[in-house]
PDB file of N, CA and C in Angstrom:
ATOM      1  N   UNK A   1      -0.019 -17.847  -6.908  1.00  0.00           N
ATOM      2  CA  UNK A   1      -0.416 -17.854  -5.597  1.00  0.00           C
ATOM      3  C   UNK A   1      -1.739 -17.307  -5.802  1.00  0.00           C
ATOM      4  N   UNK A   2      -2.891 -17.973  -5.382  1.00  0.00           N
ATOM      5  CA  UNK A   2      -4.418 -17.678  -5.254  1.00  0.00           C
ATOM      6  C   UNK A   2      -4.719 -16.566  -4.159  1.00  0.00           C
ATOM      7  N   UNK A   3      -5.571 -15.605  -4.447  1.00  0.00           N
ATOM      8  CA  UNK A   3      -5.764 -14.467  -3.326  1.00  0.00           C
ATOM      9  C   UNK A   3      -6.739 -15.040  -2.296  1.00  0.00           C
ATOM     10  N   UNK A   4      -6.014 -14.760  -0.857  1.00  0.00           N
ATOM     11  CA  UNK A   4      -6.777 -15.168   0.233  1.00  0.00           C
ATOM     12  C   UNK A   4      -7.620 -14.219   0.449  1.00  0.00           C
ATOM     13  N   UNK A   5      -8.894 -14.426   0.340  1.00  0.00           N
ATOM     14  CA  UNK A   5     -10.126 -13.434   0.686  1.00  0.00           C
ATOM     15  C   UNK A   5     -10.105 -12.835   2.203  1.00  0.00           C
ATOM     16  N   UNK A   6      -9.185 -13.527   3.206  1.00  0.00           N
ATOM     17  CA  UNK A   6      -9.359 -13.475   4.619  1.00  0.00           C
ATOM     18  C   UNK A   6      -8.132 -12.534   4.858  1.00  0.00           C
ATOM     19  N   UNK A   7      -7.214 -12.253   4.251  1.00  0.00           N
ATOM     20  CA  UNK A   7      -6.137 -11.584   4.583  1.00  0.00           C
ATOM     21  C   UNK A   7      -6.576 -10.244   5.218  1.00  0.00           C
ATOM     22  N   UNK A   8      -5.616  -9.289   5.973  1.00  0.00           N
ATOM     23  CA  UNK A   8      -6.241  -8.623   6.947  1.00  0.00           C
ATOM     24  C   UNK A   8      -6.486  -7.262   6.062  1.00  0.00           C
ATOM     25  N   UNK A   9      -5.586  -7.154   4.692  1.00  0.00           N
ATOM     26  CA  UNK A   9      -6.391  -6.147   4.046  1.00  0.00           C
ATOM     27  C   UNK A   9      -7.608  -6.427   3.365  1.00  0.00           C
ATOM     28  N   UNK A  10      -7.922  -7.408   2.792  1.00  0.00           N
ATOM     29  CA  UNK A  10      -9.171  -7.770   2.250  1.00  0.00           C
ATOM     30  C   UNK A  10     -10.258  -7.536   3.474  1.00  0.00           C
ATOM     31  N   UNK A  11      -9.951  -8.036   4.544  1.00  0.00           N
ATOM     32  CA  UNK A  11     -10.965  -7.585   5.685  1.00  0.00           C
ATOM     33  C   UNK A  11     -11.112  -6.367   5.983  1.00  0.00           C
ATOM     34  N   UNK A  12      -9.892  -5.198   5.892  1.00  0.00           N
ATOM     35  CA  UNK A  12     -10.221  -3.859   6.140  1.00  0.00           C
ATOM     36  C   UNK A  12     -11.085  -3.413   4.861  1.00  0.00           C
ATOM     37  N   UNK A  13     -10.642  -3.808   3.568  1.00  0.00           N
ATOM     38  CA  UNK A  13     -11.640  -3.243   2.544  1.00  0.00           C
ATOM     39  C   UNK A  13     -13.067  -3.523   2.876  1.00  0.00           C
ATOM     40  N   UNK A  14     -13.549  -4.818   3.274  1.00  0.00           N
ATOM     41  CA  UNK A  14     -14.652  -5.130   3.627  1.00  0.00           C
ATOM     42  C   UNK A  14     -15.406  -4.452   4.829  1.00  0.00           C
ATOM     43  N   UNK A  15     -14.625  -3.772   5.348  1.00  0.00           N
ATOM     44  CA  UNK A  15     -15.227  -3.172   6.689  1.00  0.00           C
ATOM     45  C   UNK A  15     -15.033  -4.074   8.024  1.00  0.00           C
ATOM     46  N   UNK A  16     -14.677  -5.264   7.889  1.00  0.00           N
ATOM     47  CA  UNK A  16     -14.616  -6.120   8.756  1.00  0.00           C
ATOM     48  C   UNK A  16     -13.299  -6.131   9.927  1.00  0.00           C
ATOM     49  N   UNK A  17     -12.409  -5.204   9.684  1.00  0.00           N
ATOM     50  CA  UNK A  17     -11.498  -4.817  10.626  1.00  0.00           C
ATOM     51  C   UNK A  17     -11.154  -3.114  10.592  1.00  0.00           C
ATOM     52  N   UNK A  18     -11.427  -2.497  11.612  1.00  0.00           N
ATOM     53  CA  UNK A  18     -11.203  -1.181  11.590  1.00  0.00           C
ATOM     54  C   UNK A  18      -9.856  -0.618  11.199  1.00  0.00           C
ATOM     55  N   UNK A  19     -10.174   0.309  10.246  1.00  0.00           N
ATOM     56  CA  UNK A  19      -8.732   1.144  10.059  1.00  0.00           C
ATOM     57  C   UNK A  19      -9.397   2.504   9.928  1.00  0.00           C
ATOM     58  N   UNK A  20      -8.381   3.379  10.479  1.00  0.00           N
ATOM     59  CA  UNK A  20      -8.514   4.875  10.376  1.00  0.00           C
ATOM     60  C   UNK A  20      -8.098   5.601   8.837  1.00  0.00           C
ATOM     61  N   UNK A  21      -8.945   5.393   8.054  1.00  0.00           N
ATOM     62  CA  UNK A  21      -8.724   5.650   6.708  1.00  0.00           C
ATOM     63  C   UNK A  21      -8.123   7.295   6.421  1.00  0.00           C
ATOM     64  N   UNK A  22      -7.413   7.300   5.864  1.00  0.00           N
ATOM     65  CA  UNK A  22      -6.434   8.789   5.429  1.00  0.00           C
ATOM     66  C   UNK A  22      -7.058   9.129   4.242  1.00  0.00           C
ATOM     67  N   UNK A  23      -7.512   8.206   3.336  1.00  0.00           N
ATOM     68  CA  UNK A  23      -7.790   8.703   2.009  1.00  0.00           C
ATOM     69  C   UNK A  23      -8.779   7.212   1.485  1.00  0.00           C
ATOM     70  N   UNK A  24      -9.855   7.629   0.677  1.00  0.00           N
ATOM     71  CA  UNK A  24     -10.466   6.732   0.099  1.00  0.00           C
ATOM     72  C   UNK A  24     -11.228   7.092  -1.112  1.00  0.00           C
ATOM     73  N   UNK A  25     -10.765   6.546  -2.266  1.00  0.00           N
ATOM     74  CA  UNK A  25     -11.645   6.776  -3.516  1.00  0.00           C
ATOM     75  C   UNK A  25     -12.075   5.569  -4.141  1.00  0.00           C
ATOM     76  N   UNK A  26     -12.256   5.338  -5.592  1.00  0.00           N
ATOM     77  CA  UNK A  26     -12.909   4.269  -5.988  1.00  0.00           C
ATOM     78  C   UNK A  26     -11.685   3.307  -6.542  1.00  0.00           C
ATOM     79  N   UNK A  27     -10.236   3.658  -6.309  1.00  0.00           N
ATOM     80  CA  UNK A  27      -9.143   3.050  -6.791  1.00  0.00           C
ATOM     81  C   UNK A  27      -8.411   2.335  -5.363  1.00  0.00           C
ATOM     82  N   UNK A  28      -8.501   3.128  -4.280  1.00  0.00           N
ATOM     83  CA  UNK A  28      -7.533   2.903  -2.938  1.00  0.00           C
ATOM     84  C   UNK A  28      -8.168   3.277  -1.976  1.00  0.00           C
ATOM     85  N   UNK A  29      -7.518   2.822  -0.825  1.00  0.00           N
ATOM     86  CA  UNK A  29      -7.746   3.339   0.386  1.00  0.00           C
ATOM     87  C   UNK A  29      -6.433   3.403   1.232  1.00  0.00           C
ATOM     88  N   UNK A  30      -6.267   4.483   2.048  1.00  0.00           N
ATOM     89  CA  UNK A  30      -4.706   4.508   2.777  1.00  0.00           C
ATOM     90  C   UNK A  30      -5.080   4.669   4.312  1.00  0.00           C
ATOM     91  N   UNK A  31      -4.261   4.315   4.831  1.00  0.00           N
ATOM     92  CA  UNK A  31      -4.464   3.960   6.481  1.00  0.00           C
ATOM     93  C   UNK A  31      -3.019   4.391   7.251  1.00  0.00           C
ATOM     94  N   UNK A  32      -2.722   4.644   8.368  1.00  0.00           N
ATOM     95  CA  UNK A  32      -1.637   4.649   8.865  1.00  0.00           C
ATOM     96  C   UNK A  32      -1.185   3.283   9.233  1.00  0.00           C
ATOM     97  N   UNK A  33       0.390   2.673   9.307  1.00  0.00           N
ATOM     98  CA  UNK A  33       0.663   1.498   9.442  1.00  0.00           C
ATOM     99  C   UNK A  33       0.646   1.107  10.913  1.00  0.00           C
ATOM    100  N   UNK A  34       0.189  -0.193  11.337  1.00  0.00           N
ATOM    101  CA  UNK A  34       0.212  -0.347  12.739  1.00  0.00           C
ATOM    102  C   UNK A  34       1.554  -0.522  13.578  1.00  0.00           C
ATOM    103  N   UNK A  35       2.589  -0.831  12.722  1.00  0.00           N
ATOM    104  CA  UNK A  35       4.090  -0.786  13.378  1.00  0.00           C
ATOM    105  C   UNK A  35       4.738   0.185  12.411  1.00  0.00           C
ATOM    106  N   UNK A  36       4.738   1.440  12.579  1.00  0.00           N
ATOM    107  CA  UNK A  36       5.668   2.485  11.776  1.00  0.00           C
ATOM    108  C   UNK A  36       7.006   2.247  11.751  1.00  0.00           C
ATOM    109  N   UNK A  37       7.569   2.407  10.645  1.00  0.00           N
ATOM    110  CA  UNK A  37       9.111   2.335  10.435  1.00  0.00           C
ATOM    111  C   UNK A  37       9.550   3.627  10.436  1.00  0.00           C
ATOM    112  N   UNK A  38       8.977   4.736  10.329  1.00  0.00           N
ATOM    113  CA  UNK A  38       9.298   6.140  10.206  1.00  0.00           C
ATOM    114  C   UNK A  38       8.005   7.072  10.775  1.00  0.00           C
ATOM    115  N   UNK A  39       8.417   8.186  11.170  1.00  0.00           N
ATOM    116  CA  UNK A  39       7.249   9.059  11.666  1.00  0.00           C
ATOM    117  C   UNK A  39       6.010   9.225  10.928  1.00  0.00           C
ATOM    118  N   UNK A  40       6.238   9.093   9.597  1.00  0.00           N
ATOM    119  CA  UNK A  40       5.141   9.024   8.523  1.00  0.00           C
ATOM    120  C   UNK A  40       5.307   7.794   7.928  1.00  0.00           C
ATOM    121  N   UNK A  41       4.044   6.779   7.955  1.00  0.00           N
ATOM    122  CA  UNK A  41       4.338   5.567   7.702  1.00  0.00           C
ATOM    123  C   UNK A  41       2.837   4.966   7.355  1.00  0.00           C
ATOM    124  N   UNK A  42       2.348   5.106   6.165  1.00  0.00           N
ATOM    125  CA  UNK A  42       1.197   5.044   5.345  1.00  0.00           C
ATOM    126  C   UNK A  42       1.187   3.798   4.329  1.00  0.00           C
ATOM    127  N   UNK A  43       0.255   3.091   4.555  1.00  0.00           N
ATOM    128  CA  UNK A  43      -0.266   1.984   3.531  1.00  0.00           C
ATOM    129  C   UNK A  43      -1.065   2.304   2.437  1.00  0.00           C
ATOM    130  N   UNK A  44      -1.156   2.115   1.297  1.00  0.00           N
ATOM    131  CA  UNK A  44      -1.928   2.337   0.288  1.00  0.00           C
ATOM    132  C   UNK A  44      -2.331   0.983  -0.531  1.00  0.00           C
ATOM    133  N   UNK A  45      -3.571   0.676  -0.429  1.00  0.00           N
ATOM    134  CA  UNK A  45      -3.858  -0.673  -1.002  1.00  0.00           C
ATOM    135  C   UNK A  45      -5.064  -0.453  -2.153  1.00  0.00           C
ATOM    136  N   UNK A  46      -4.905  -1.003  -3.091  1.00  0.00           N
ATOM    137  CA  UNK A  46      -5.799  -0.870  -4.327  1.00  0.00           C
ATOM    138  C   UNK A  46      -7.091  -1.667  -3.959  1.00  0.00           C
ATOM    139  N   UNK A  47      -8.441  -1.318  -4.357  1.00  0.00           N
ATOM    140  CA  UNK A  47      -9.506  -1.967  -4.312  1.00  0.00           C
ATOM    141  C   UNK A  47      -9.484  -3.108  -5.477  1.00  0.00           C
ATOM    142  N   UNK A  48      -9.604  -4.283  -4.760  1.00  0.00           N
ATOM    143  CA  UNK A  48      -9.302  -5.371  -5.728  1.00  0.00           C
ATOM    144  C   UNK A  48      -8.428  -6.289  -5.158  1.00  0.00           C
ATOM    145  N   UNK A  49      -8.775  -7.564  -5.861  1.00  0.00           N
ATOM    146  CA  UNK A  49      -8.130  -8.868  -5.446  1.00  0.00           C
ATOM    147  C   UNK A  49      -6.762  -9.006  -6.128  1.00  0.00           C
ATOM    148  N   UNK A  50      -5.771  -8.585  -5.648  1.00  0.00           N
ATOM    149  CA  UNK A  50      -4.357  -8.327  -6.174  1.00  0.00           C
ATOM    150  C   UNK A  50      -3.240  -8.797  -5.397  1.00  0.00           C
ATOM    151  N   UNK A  51      -2.714  -9.949  -5.651  1.00  0.00           N
ATOM    152  CA  UNK A  51      -1.716 -10.593  -4.411  1.00  0.00           C
ATOM    153  C   UNK A  51      -0.596  -9.885  -4.191  1.00  0.00           C
ATOM    154  N   UNK A  52       0.204  -9.226  -5.288  1.00  0.00           N
ATOM    155  CA  UNK A  52       1.506  -8.533  -5.302  1.00  0.00           C
ATOM    156  C   UNK A  52       1.550  -7.587  -6.544  1.00  0.00           C
ATOM    157  N   UNK A  53       2.529  -6.828  -6.686  1.00  0.00           N
ATOM    158  CA  UNK A  53       2.790  -5.925  -7.545  1.00  0.00           C
ATOM    159  C   UNK A  53       2.518  -6.708  -9.193  1.00  0.00           C
ATOM    160  N   UNK A  54       3.408  -7.599  -9.234  1.00  0.00           N
ATOM    161  CA  UNK A  54       3.367  -8.268 -10.664  1.00  0.00           C
ATOM    162  C   UNK A  54       1.858  -8.628 -10.855  1.00  0.00           C
ATOM    163  N   UNK A  55       1.186  -9.139  -9.949  1.00  0.00           N
ATOM    164  CA  UNK A  55      -0.334  -9.539 -10.383  1.00  0.00           C
ATOM    165  C   UNK A  55      -1.042  -8.312 -10.557  1.00  0.00           C
ATOM    166  N   UNK A  56      -0.940  -7.082  -9.870  1.00  0.00           N
ATOM    167  CA  UNK A  56      -1.737  -6.165 -10.110  1.00  0.00           C
ATOM    168  C   UNK A  56      -1.343  -5.600 -11.305  1.00  0.00           C
ATOM    169  N   UNK A  57      -0.172  -5.582 -11.704  1.00  0.00           N
ATOM    170  CA  UNK A  57       0.007  -4.789 -13.235  1.00  0.00           C
ATOM    171  C   UNK A  57      -0.339  -5.772 -14.430  1.00  0.00           C
ATOM    172  N   UNK A  58      -0.568  -6.927 -14.210  1.00  0.00           N
ATOM    173  CA  UNK A  58      -0.877  -7.989 -15.012  1.00  0.00           C
ATOM    174  C   UNK A  58      -2.354  -7.984 -15.130  1.00  0.00           C
ATOM    175  N   UNK A  59      -2.976  -8.110 -13.951  1.00  0.00           N
ATOM    176  CA  UNK A  59      -4.821  -8.300 -14.174  1.00  0.00           C
ATOM    177  C   UNK A  59      -5.408  -7.116 -14.018  1.00  0.00           C
ATOM    178  N   UNK A  60      -4.858  -5.798 -13.559  1.00  0.00           N
ATOM    179  CA  UNK A  60      -5.704  -4.710 -13.427  1.00  0.00           C
ATOM    180  C   UNK A  60      -5.939  -4.042 -14.612  1.00  0.00           C
ATOM    181  N   UNK A  61      -6.869  -3.219 -15.014  1.00  0.00           N
ATOM    182  CA  UNK A  61      -7.043  -2.582 -16.034  1.00  0.00           C
ATOM    183  C   UNK A  61      -6.062  -1.044 -15.939  1.00  0.00           C
ATOM    184  N   UNK A  62      -5.871  -0.711 -17.081  1.00  0.00           N
ATOM    185  CA  UNK A  62      -5.293   0.607 -17.073  1.00  0.00           C
ATOM    186  C   UNK A  62      -5.638   1.521 -16.333  1.00  0.00           C
ATOM    187  N   UNK A  63      -6.913   1.722 -16.213  1.00  0.00           N
ATOM    188  CA  UNK A  63      -7.412   2.886 -15.494  1.00  0.00           C
ATOM    189  C   UNK A  63      -7.347   2.600 -14.119  1.00  0.00           C
ATOM    190  N   UNK A  64      -7.650   1.233 -13.905  1.00  0.00           N
ATOM    191  CA  UNK A  64      -7.285   1.024 -12.079  1.00  0.00           C
ATOM    192  C   UNK A  64      -5.630   1.070 -11.822  1.00  0.00           C
ATOM    193  N   UNK A  65      -4.747   0.988 -12.973  1.00  0.00           N
ATOM    194  CA  UNK A  65      -3.562   1.149 -12.473  1.00  0.00           C
ATOM    195  C   UNK A  65      -2.991   2.510 -12.229  1.00  0.00           C
ATOM    196  N   UNK A  66      -3.590   3.546 -13.140  1.00  0.00           N
ATOM    197  CA  UNK A  66      -3.296   4.813 -13.224  1.00  0.00           C
ATOM    198  C   UNK A  66      -4.118   5.489 -11.855  1.00  0.00           C
ATOM    199  N   UNK A  67      -5.240   5.069 -11.644  1.00  0.00           N
ATOM    200  CA  UNK A  67      -6.202   5.601 -10.642  1.00  0.00           C
ATOM    201  C   UNK A  67      -5.215   5.029  -9.293  1.00  0.00           C
ATOM    202  N   UNK A  68      -4.906   3.923  -9.193  1.00  0.00           N
ATOM    203  CA  UNK A  68      -4.058   3.528  -7.834  1.00  0.00           C
ATOM    204  C   UNK A  68      -2.801   4.449  -7.581  1.00  0.00           C
ATOM    205  N   UNK A  69      -2.097   4.645  -8.796  1.00  0.00           N
ATOM    206  CA  UNK A  69      -0.700   5.577  -8.383  1.00  0.00           C
ATOM    207  C   UNK A  69      -1.142   6.850  -8.539  1.00  0.00           C
ATOM    208  N   UNK A  70      -1.931   7.319  -8.962  1.00  0.00           N
ATOM    209  CA  UNK A  70      -2.289   8.702  -8.852  1.00  0.00           C
ATOM    210  C   UNK A  70      -3.125   8.931  -7.329  1.00  0.00           C
ATOM    211  N   UNK A  71      -3.600   7.826  -6.664  1.00  0.00           N
ATOM    212  CA  UNK A  71      -4.086   7.945  -5.292  1.00  0.00           C
ATOM    213  C   UNK A  71      -2.827   8.223  -4.434  1.00  0.00           C
ATOM    214  N   UNK A  72      -1.660   7.273  -4.573  1.00  0.00           N
ATOM    215  CA  UNK A  72      -0.668   7.104  -3.946  1.00  0.00           C
ATOM    216  C   UNK A  72       0.066   8.548  -4.143  1.00  0.00           C
ATOM    217  N   UNK A  73      -0.094   9.185  -5.044  1.00  0.00           N
ATOM    218  CA  UNK A  73       0.704  10.499  -5.018  1.00  0.00           C
ATOM    219  C   UNK A  73      -0.438  11.505  -4.187  1.00  0.00           C
ATOM    220  N   UNK A  74      -1.730  11.427  -4.232  1.00  0.00           N
ATOM    221  CA  UNK A  74      -2.449  12.176  -3.579  1.00  0.00           C
ATOM    222  C   UNK A  74      -2.377  11.972  -2.169  1.00  0.00           C
ATOM    223  N   UNK A  75      -2.127  10.725  -1.719  1.00  0.00           N
ATOM    224  CA  UNK A  75      -1.913  10.576  -0.012  1.00  0.00           C
ATOM    225  C   UNK A  75      -0.687  11.338   0.199  1.00  0.00           C
ATOM    226  N   UNK A  76       0.570  11.173  -0.463  1.00  0.00           N
ATOM    227  CA  UNK A  76       1.421  11.812  -0.062  1.00  0.00           C
ATOM    228  C   UNK A  76       1.345  13.531   0.050  1.00  0.00           C
ATOM    229  N   UNK A  77       0.777  13.950  -0.881  1.00  0.00           N
ATOM    230  CA  UNK A  77       0.327  15.205  -0.961  1.00  0.00           C
ATOM    231  C   UNK A  77      -0.645  15.582   0.539  1.00  0.00           C
ATOM    232  N   UNK A  78      -1.495  14.693   0.677  1.00  0.00           N
ATOM    233  CA  UNK A  78      -2.217  15.287   1.597  1.00  0.00           C
ATOM    234  C   UNK A  78      -1.805  15.133   3.056  1.00  0.00           C
ATOM    235  N   UNK A  79      -0.473  14.401   3.196  1.00  0.00           N
ATOM    236  CA  UNK A  79       0.290  14.095   4.089  1.00  0.00           C
ATOM    237  C   UNK A  79       1.355  15.247   4.538  1.00  0.00           C
ATOM    238  N   UNK A  80       1.370  16.243   3.179  1.00  0.00           N
ATOM    239  CA  UNK A  80       2.221  17.102   3.332  1.00  0.00           C
ATOM    240  C   UNK A  80       3.835  16.570   3.098  1.00  0.00           C
ATOM    241  N   UNK A  81       4.048  15.526   2.622  1.00  0.00           N
ATOM    242  CA  UNK A  81       5.329  15.266   2.655  1.00  0.00           C
ATOM    243  C   UNK A  81       5.936  15.580   0.990  1.00  0.00           C
ATOM    244  N   UNK A  82       6.891  16.115   0.840  1.00  0.00           N
ATOM    245  CA  UNK A  82       7.634  16.316  -0.575  1.00  0.00           C
ATOM    246  C   UNK A  82       8.766  15.255  -0.601  1.00  0.00           C
ATOM    247  N   UNK A  83       9.223  14.704   0.140  1.00  0.00           N
ATOM    248  CA  UNK A  83      10.563  13.856  -0.142  1.00  0.00           C
ATOM    249  C   UNK A  83       9.592  12.549   0.730  1.00  0.00           C
ATOM    250  N   UNK A  84       9.542  11.564   0.192  1.00  0.00           N
ATOM    251  CA  UNK A  84       9.384  10.236   0.733  1.00  0.00           C
ATOM    252  C   UNK A  84       9.791   8.856  -0.082  1.00  0.00           C
ATOM    253  N   UNK A  85       9.759   8.128   0.618  1.00  0.00           N
ATOM    254  CA  UNK A  85      10.205   6.631   0.031  1.00  0.00           C
ATOM    255  C   UNK A  85       8.788   5.650  -0.233  1.00  0.00           C
ATOM    256  N   UNK A  86       8.686   5.305  -1.476  1.00  0.00           N
ATOM    257  CA  UNK A  86       7.627   4.093  -1.545  1.00  0.00           C
ATOM    258  C   UNK A  86       8.399   2.733  -1.524  1.00  0.00           C
ATOM    259  N   UNK A  87       7.676   1.888  -0.988  1.00  0.00           N
ATOM    260  CA  UNK A  87       8.132   0.492  -0.960  1.00  0.00           C
ATOM    261  C   UNK A  87       6.828  -0.369  -1.146  1.00  0.00           C
ATOM    262  N   UNK A  88       7.258  -1.468  -1.937  1.00  0.00           N
ATOM    263  CA  UNK A  88       6.343  -2.665  -2.204  1.00  0.00           C
ATOM    264  C   UNK A  88       7.217  -3.631  -2.267  1.00  0.00           C
ATOM    265  N   UNK A  89       6.756  -4.581  -1.780  1.00  0.00           N
ATOM    266  CA  UNK A  89       7.408  -6.162  -1.746  1.00  0.00           C
ATOM    267  C   UNK A  89       6.675  -7.249  -2.565  1.00  0.00           C
ATOM    268  N   UNK A  90       7.218  -7.840  -3.515  1.00  0.00           N
ATOM    269  CA  UNK A  90       6.619  -8.701  -4.652  1.00  0.00           C
ATOM    270  C   UNK A  90       7.019 -10.034  -4.160  1.00  0.00           C
ATOM    271  N   UNK A  91       6.295 -10.558  -3.081  1.00  0.00           N
ATOM    272  CA  UNK A  91       6.588 -11.986  -3.105  1.00  0.00           C
ATOM    273  C   UNK A  91       7.447 -12.334  -1.436  1.00  0.00           C
ATOM    274  N   UNK A  92       7.264 -13.336  -0.821  1.00  0.00           N
ATOM    275  CA  UNK A  92       7.659 -13.504   0.504  1.00  0.00           C
ATOM    276  C   UNK A  92       9.190 -13.241   0.529  1.00  0.00           C
ATOM    277  N   UNK A  93      10.036 -13.814  -0.258  1.00  0.00           N
ATOM    278  CA  UNK A  93      11.311 -13.764  -0.385  1.00  0.00           C
ATOM    279  C   UNK A  93      11.786 -12.151  -0.217  1.00  0.00           C
ATOM    280  N   UNK A  94      11.068 -11.248  -0.987  1.00  0.00           N
ATOM    281  CA  UNK A  94      11.338 -10.118  -1.087  1.00  0.00           C
ATOM    282  C   UNK A  94      10.672  -9.090   0.340  1.00  0.00           C
ATOM    283  N   UNK A  95       9.953 -10.084   1.339  1.00  0.00           N
ATOM    284  CA  UNK A  95       9.723  -9.364   2.539  1.00  0.00           C
ATOM    285  C   UNK A  95       8.049  -8.907   2.425  1.00  0.00           C
ATOM    286  N   UNK A  96       7.417  -9.589   1.620  1.00  0.00           N
ATOM    287  CA  UNK A  96       5.978  -9.331   1.681  1.00  0.00           C
ATOM    288  C   UNK A  96       5.455 -10.434   2.542  1.00  0.00           C
ATOM    289  N   UNK A  97       4.591  -9.768   3.601  1.00  0.00           N
ATOM    290  CA  UNK A  97       4.072 -10.685   4.746  1.00  0.00           C
ATOM    291  C   UNK A  97       2.553 -10.425   4.435  1.00  0.00           C
ATOM    292  N   UNK A  98       1.662  -9.714   3.883  1.00  0.00           N
ATOM    293  CA  UNK A  98       0.466  -9.652   3.687  1.00  0.00           C
ATOM    294  C   UNK A  98       0.304  -9.747   2.246  1.00  0.00           C
ATOM    295  N   UNK A  99      -0.634 -10.835   1.741  1.00  0.00           N
ATOM    296  CA  UNK A  99      -0.616 -11.079   0.373  1.00  0.00           C
ATOM    297  C   UNK A  99      -1.770 -10.222  -0.497  1.00  0.00           C
ATOM    298  N   UNK A 100      -1.768  -8.879  -0.161  1.00  0.00           N
ATOM    299  CA  UNK A 100      -2.396  -8.091  -1.041  1.00  0.00           C
ATOM    300  C   UNK A 100      -1.581  -7.000  -1.247  1.00  0.00           C
ATOM    301  N   UNK A 101      -1.551  -6.808  -2.586  1.00  0.00           N
ATOM    302  CA  UNK A 101      -0.794  -5.728  -3.114  1.00  0.00           C
ATOM    303  C   UNK A 101      -1.015  -4.424  -2.450  1.00  0.00           C
ATOM    304  N   UNK A 102       0.304  -3.815  -2.116  1.00  0.00           N
ATOM    305  CA  UNK A 102       0.266  -2.488  -1.192  1.00  0.00           C
ATOM    306  C   UNK A 102       1.321  -1.915  -1.378  1.00  0.00           C
ATOM    307  N   UNK A 103       1.321  -0.343  -1.193  1.00  0.00           N
ATOM    308  CA  UNK A 103       2.653   0.235  -1.261  1.00  0.00           C
ATOM    309  C   UNK A 103       2.861   1.443   0.106  1.00  0.00           C
ATOM    310  N   UNK A 104       3.798   1.281   0.421  1.00  0.00           N
ATOM    311  CA  UNK A 104       4.243   1.803   1.805  1.00  0.00           C
ATOM    312  C   UNK A 104       4.823   2.972   1.563  1.00  0.00           C
ATOM    313  N   UNK A 105       4.289   4.322   2.266  1.00  0.00           N
ATOM    314  CA  UNK A 105       5.005   5.706   1.996  1.00  0.00           C
ATOM    315  C   UNK A 105       5.497   6.015   3.302  1.00  0.00           C
ATOM    316  N   UNK A 106       6.877   6.102   3.253  1.00  0.00           N
ATOM    317  CA  UNK A 106       7.621   6.668   4.571  1.00  0.00           C
ATOM    318  C   UNK A 106       8.288   7.935   4.345  1.00  0.00           C
ATOM    319  N   UNK A 107       8.095   8.808   5.547  1.00  0.00           N
ATOM    320  CA  UNK A 107       8.813  10.040   5.416  1.00  0.00           C
ATOM    321  C   UNK A 107       8.774  10.544   6.956  1.00  0.00           C
ATOM    322  N   UNK A 108       9.340  11.885   6.996  1.00  0.00           N
ATOM    323  CA  UNK A 108       9.430  12.338   8.207  1.00  0.00           C
ATOM    324  C   UNK A 108      10.754  12.262   8.752  1.00  0.00           C
ATOM    325  N   UNK A 109      11.545  11.619   8.406  1.00  0.00           N
ATOM    326  CA  UNK A 109      12.999  11.781   8.598  1.00  0.00           C
ATOM    327  C   UNK A 109      13.939  11.189   7.782  1.00  0.00           C
ATOM    328  N   UNK A 110      14.997  11.541   7.951  1.00  0.00           N
ATOM    329  CA  UNK A 110      16.306  10.981   6.845  1.00  0.00           C
ATOM    330  C   UNK A 110      16.160   9.507   6.673  1.00  0.00           C
ATOM    331  N   UNK A 111      15.853   8.933   5.802  1.00  0.00           N
ATOM    332  CA  UNK A 111      15.706   7.374   5.694  1.00  0.00           C
ATOM    333  C   UNK A 111      17.051   6.800   5.126  1.00  0.00           C
ATOM    334  N   UNK A 112      17.539   5.753   5.813  1.00  0.00           N
ATOM    335  CA  UNK A 112      18.905   5.084   5.244  1.00  0.00           C
ATOM    336  C   UNK A 112      18.830   4.450   4.325  1.00  0.00           C
ATOM    337  N   UNK A 113      19.713   3.357   4.018  1.00  0.00           N
ATOM    338  CA  UNK A 113      20.049   2.489   3.055  1.00  0.00           C
ATOM    339  C   UNK A 113      18.630   1.541   2.485  1.00  0.00           C
ATOM    340  N   UNK A 114      18.611   1.365   1.365  1.00  0.00           N
ATOM    341  CA  UNK A 114      17.329   0.532   1.237  1.00  0.00           C
ATOM    342  C   UNK A 114      17.524  -0.781   1.450  1.00  0.00           C
ATOM    343  N   UNK A 115      18.455  -1.523   1.615  1.00  0.00           N
ATOM    344  CA  UNK A 115      18.728  -2.996   2.086  1.00  0.00           C
ATOM    345  C   UNK A 115      19.612  -2.827   3.336  1.00  0.00           C
ATOM    346  N   UNK A 116      19.239  -3.319   4.277  1.00  0.00           N
ATOM    347  CA  UNK A 116      20.116  -3.504   5.493  1.00  0.00           C
ATOM    348  C   UNK A 116      21.055  -4.401   5.606  1.00  0.00           C
ATOM    349  N   UNK A 117      20.629  -5.574   4.880  1.00  0.00           N
ATOM    350  CA  UNK A 117      21.731  -6.704   5.170  1.00  0.00           C
ATOM    351  C   UNK A 117      21.707  -7.553   3.983  1.00  0.00           C
TER     352      UNK A 117
END
């Protein structure tokens, strides 16, 4: 799958769509999900053109991968959540709807089963 430079996260990274950034560094930005599934629901996206998790791990450099996942932890700390769930969907049949690799941080309530059906 080729990267769609007009996907919503690419447009947020370019500043074409506003997002209330909660975190921003050289590797990632984070912002609240517009349709939250938990009291705390934040998206963390890497700065770069990566379609999904596998693509990110294959094409990103070691410093970028480490920087991204350290950013995910920094966001959780900034949010003040000690217990949280990380979700990433790798492809459409796994539930990925925006084809820019991203991680969801969910917290703020007891979370149920990982797979509902």
